[in-house]
Amino acid sequence: MELYLIQHGKSLPKDQDPDQGLSEEGTSETELVASLAQDYGVSVSQIRHSVKTRARQTAEIFARALEPQSGIQE
């Protein structure tokens, strides 16, 4: 079994977004890394993330690229 640990992308400051979702830069960088993982043939059965908005958004980006069989789970 392999385990991949991914840190969420860059988030917005709390004064701009109380939930601190991903910034445009964070979204772009995360999409790039997810695309590279896809290009390298990374295969995952499930993606798990914390309750933070930026973590969920990062997981969703990776899920679109890697299509895990068991989806994503908080």
N, C-alpha and C. Protein backbone atom coordinates (compact mmCIF):
# COMPACT_ATOMS: atom_id res chain seq x y z
N MET A 1 0.83 -1.17 0.00
CA MET A 1 0.00 0.00 0.00
C MET A 1 0.89 1.24 0.00
N GLU A 2 0.51 2.20 -0.81
CA GLU A 2 1.21 3.48 -0.84
C GLU A 2 0.29 4.55 -0.27
N LEU A 3 0.89 5.52 0.40
CA LEU A 3 0.14 6.62 0.98
C LEU A 3 0.76 7.92 0.48
N TYR A 4 -0.06 8.76 -0.11
CA TYR A 4 0.40 10.06 -0.60
C TYR A 4 -0.18 11.14 0.31
N LEU A 5 0.67 11.99 0.83
CA LEU A 5 0.24 13.11 1.66
C LEU A 5 0.39 14.39 0.84
N ILE A 6 -0.69 15.11 0.72
CA ILE A 6 -0.69 16.35 -0.07
C ILE A 6 -1.14 17.49 0.84
N GLN A 7 -0.40 18.57 0.84
CA GLN A 7 -0.82 19.76 1.57
C GLN A 7 -1.76 20.55 0.68
N HIS A 8 -2.78 21.13 1.28
CA HIS A 8 -3.73 21.94 0.52
C HIS A 8 -3.01 23.08 -0.19
N GLY A 9 -3.67 23.61 -1.22
CA GLY A 9 -3.12 24.75 -1.95
C GLY A 9 -3.19 26.02 -1.12
N LYS A 10 -2.61 27.09 -1.64
CA LYS A 10 -2.61 28.38 -0.95
C LYS A 10 -4.05 28.86 -0.78
N SER A 11 -4.33 29.38 0.40
CA SER A 11 -5.69 29.83 0.70
C SER A 11 -5.78 31.35 0.78
N LEU A 12 -7.00 31.82 0.78
CA LEU A 12 -7.27 33.24 0.93
C LEU A 12 -7.09 33.64 2.39
N PRO A 13 -6.72 34.90 2.63
CA PRO A 13 -6.62 35.37 4.01
C PRO A 13 -8.00 35.34 4.68
N LYS A 14 -8.00 35.17 5.98
CA LYS A 14 -9.25 35.07 6.73
C LYS A 14 -10.12 36.32 6.58
N ASP A 15 -9.50 37.50 6.42
CA ASP A 15 -10.30 38.72 6.27
C ASP A 15 -10.99 38.80 4.90
N GLN A 16 -10.52 38.04 3.91
CA GLN A 16 -11.16 37.98 2.61
C GLN A 16 -12.17 36.84 2.53
N ASP A 17 -11.88 35.75 3.22
CA ASP A 17 -12.74 34.57 3.20
C ASP A 17 -12.63 33.90 4.57
N PRO A 18 -13.66 34.04 5.41
CA PRO A 18 -13.61 33.44 6.75
C PRO A 18 -13.34 31.93 6.73
N ASP A 19 -13.77 31.23 5.66
CA ASP A 19 -13.53 29.80 5.55
C ASP A 19 -12.15 29.48 5.00
N GLN A 20 -11.45 30.49 4.53
CA GLN A 20 -10.11 30.37 3.94
C GLN A 20 -10.04 29.30 2.85
N GLY A 21 -10.92 29.44 1.86
CA GLY A 21 -10.88 28.56 0.70
C GLY A 21 -9.64 28.84 -0.14
N LEU A 22 -9.44 28.04 -1.16
CA LEU A 22 -8.27 28.22 -2.02
C LEU A 22 -8.31 29.55 -2.75
N SER A 23 -7.14 30.15 -2.89
CA SER A 23 -7.01 31.36 -3.71
C SER A 23 -6.91 30.92 -5.16
N GLU A 24 -6.95 31.87 -6.08
CA GLU A 24 -6.77 31.53 -7.50
C GLU A 24 -5.42 30.86 -7.73
N GLU A 25 -4.39 31.40 -7.09
CA GLU A 25 -3.06 30.82 -7.21
C GLU A 25 -3.03 29.40 -6.62
N GLY A 26 -3.66 29.22 -5.48
CA GLY A 26 -3.72 27.90 -4.86
C GLY A 26 -4.44 26.89 -5.73
N THR A 27 -5.54 27.33 -6.35
CA THR A 27 -6.29 26.45 -7.25
C THR A 27 -5.44 26.08 -8.45
N SER A 28 -4.79 27.05 -9.06
CA SER A 28 -3.95 26.79 -10.24
C SER A 28 -2.80 25.85 -9.93
N GLU A 29 -2.12 26.10 -8.82
CA GLU A 29 -0.99 25.24 -8.44
C GLU A 29 -1.46 23.82 -8.14
N THR A 30 -2.60 23.70 -7.47
CA THR A 30 -3.14 22.38 -7.14
C THR A 30 -3.53 21.63 -8.40
N GLU A 31 -4.15 22.33 -9.35
CA GLU A 31 -4.52 21.71 -10.62
C GLU A 31 -3.27 21.22 -11.37
N LEU A 32 -2.20 22.00 -11.32
CA LEU A 32 -0.95 21.61 -11.97
C LEU A 32 -0.38 20.34 -11.34
N VAL A 33 -0.30 20.30 -10.02
CA VAL A 33 0.26 19.14 -9.33
C VAL A 33 -0.62 17.91 -9.56
N ALA A 34 -1.94 18.08 -9.53
CA ALA A 34 -2.85 16.96 -9.78
C ALA A 34 -2.68 16.44 -11.20
N SER A 35 -2.49 17.36 -12.14
CA SER A 35 -2.27 16.95 -13.54
C SER A 35 -0.97 16.18 -13.69
N LEU A 36 0.07 16.63 -13.00
CA LEU A 36 1.35 15.92 -13.04
C LEU A 36 1.21 14.52 -12.44
N ALA A 37 0.47 14.41 -11.34
CA ALA A 37 0.24 13.10 -10.73
C ALA A 37 -0.48 12.19 -11.72
N GLN A 38 -1.45 12.73 -12.42
CA GLN A 38 -2.18 11.96 -13.43
C GLN A 38 -1.23 11.53 -14.56
N ASP A 39 -0.39 12.46 -15.02
CA ASP A 39 0.57 12.15 -16.09
C ASP A 39 1.56 11.06 -15.68
N TYR A 40 1.91 11.03 -14.40
CA TYR A 40 2.84 10.01 -13.89
C TYR A 40 2.14 8.68 -13.61
N GLY A 41 0.84 8.64 -13.82
CA GLY A 41 0.11 7.40 -13.64
C GLY A 41 -0.20 7.07 -12.19
N VAL A 42 -0.22 8.08 -11.34
CA VAL A 42 -0.56 7.84 -9.94
C VAL A 42 -1.99 7.32 -9.87
N SER A 43 -2.16 6.25 -9.11
CA SER A 43 -3.48 5.64 -8.95
C SER A 43 -3.81 5.60 -7.47
N VAL A 44 -4.98 6.11 -7.11
CA VAL A 44 -5.42 6.08 -5.72
C VAL A 44 -6.82 5.48 -5.65
N SER A 45 -7.08 4.79 -4.54
CA SER A 45 -8.40 4.18 -4.39
C SER A 45 -9.37 5.14 -3.70
N GLN A 46 -8.84 6.04 -2.86
CA GLN A 46 -9.68 6.98 -2.14
C GLN A 46 -8.85 8.20 -1.75
N ILE A 47 -9.51 9.33 -1.65
CA ILE A 47 -8.88 10.56 -1.17
C ILE A 47 -9.60 10.98 0.09
N ARG A 48 -8.83 11.25 1.15
CA ARG A 48 -9.40 11.70 2.42
C ARG A 48 -8.87 13.10 2.71
N HIS A 49 -9.71 13.89 3.33
CA HIS A 49 -9.32 15.28 3.64
C HIS A 49 -9.90 15.71 4.97
N SER A 50 -9.36 16.79 5.50
CA SER A 50 -9.85 17.34 6.77
C SER A 50 -11.12 18.15 6.52
N VAL A 51 -11.66 18.73 7.58
CA VAL A 51 -12.90 19.49 7.48
C VAL A 51 -12.70 20.89 6.90
N LYS A 52 -11.48 21.30 6.73
CA LYS A 52 -11.21 22.66 6.23
C LYS A 52 -11.61 22.79 4.76
N THR A 53 -12.17 23.94 4.42
CA THR A 53 -12.63 24.20 3.06
C THR A 53 -11.50 24.02 2.05
N ARG A 54 -10.34 24.56 2.35
CA ARG A 54 -9.22 24.47 1.40
C ARG A 54 -8.77 23.02 1.20
N ALA A 55 -8.89 22.20 2.23
CA ALA A 55 -8.53 20.78 2.11
C ALA A 55 -9.55 20.07 1.23
N ARG A 56 -10.84 20.37 1.42
CA ARG A 56 -11.89 19.76 0.59
C ARG A 56 -11.72 20.17 -0.87
N GLN A 57 -11.45 21.44 -1.11
CA GLN A 57 -11.27 21.92 -2.48
C GLN A 57 -10.06 21.25 -3.14
N THR A 58 -8.98 21.10 -2.39
CA THR A 58 -7.79 20.42 -2.91
C THR A 58 -8.12 18.97 -3.24
N ALA A 59 -8.84 18.30 -2.34
CA ALA A 59 -9.23 16.90 -2.58
C ALA A 59 -10.10 16.78 -3.82
N GLU A 60 -11.01 17.71 -4.02
CA GLU A 60 -11.89 17.67 -5.20
C GLU A 60 -11.10 17.83 -6.50
N ILE A 61 -10.10 18.69 -6.48
CA ILE A 61 -9.25 18.88 -7.67
C ILE A 61 -8.50 17.59 -7.98
N PHE A 62 -7.93 16.98 -6.95
CA PHE A 62 -7.21 15.72 -7.16
C PHE A 62 -8.14 14.61 -7.60
N ALA A 63 -9.36 14.59 -7.07
CA ALA A 63 -10.32 13.56 -7.44
C ALA A 63 -10.70 13.68 -8.92
N ARG A 64 -10.85 14.89 -9.42
CA ARG A 64 -11.16 15.07 -10.85
C ARG A 64 -10.04 14.53 -11.72
N ALA A 65 -8.80 14.71 -11.27
CA ALA A 65 -7.65 14.26 -12.06
C ALA A 65 -7.40 12.76 -11.93
N LEU A 66 -7.56 12.22 -10.72
CA LEU A 66 -7.15 10.83 -10.46
C LEU A 66 -8.31 9.84 -10.41
N GLU A 67 -9.54 10.33 -10.31
CA GLU A 67 -10.74 9.49 -10.31
C GLU A 67 -10.63 8.27 -9.38
N PRO A 68 -10.50 8.50 -8.08
CA PRO A 68 -10.38 7.38 -7.14
C PRO A 68 -11.67 6.55 -7.11
N GLN A 69 -11.51 5.23 -7.07
CA GLN A 69 -12.65 4.30 -7.07
C GLN A 69 -13.63 4.58 -5.94
N SER A 70 -13.12 4.85 -4.77
CA SER A 70 -13.97 5.07 -3.60
C SER A 70 -14.22 6.54 -3.31
N GLY A 71 -13.92 7.40 -4.26
CA GLY A 71 -14.21 8.82 -4.13
C GLY A 71 -13.40 9.53 -3.08
N ILE A 72 -14.01 10.59 -2.54
CA ILE A 72 -13.34 11.36 -1.49
C ILE A 72 -14.18 11.28 -0.21
N GLN A 73 -13.48 11.38 0.91
CA GLN A 73 -14.13 11.27 2.21
C GLN A 73 -13.51 12.27 3.17
N GLU A 74 -14.37 12.90 3.96
CA GLU A 74 -13.89 13.85 4.96
C GLU A 74 -13.30 13.10 6.14
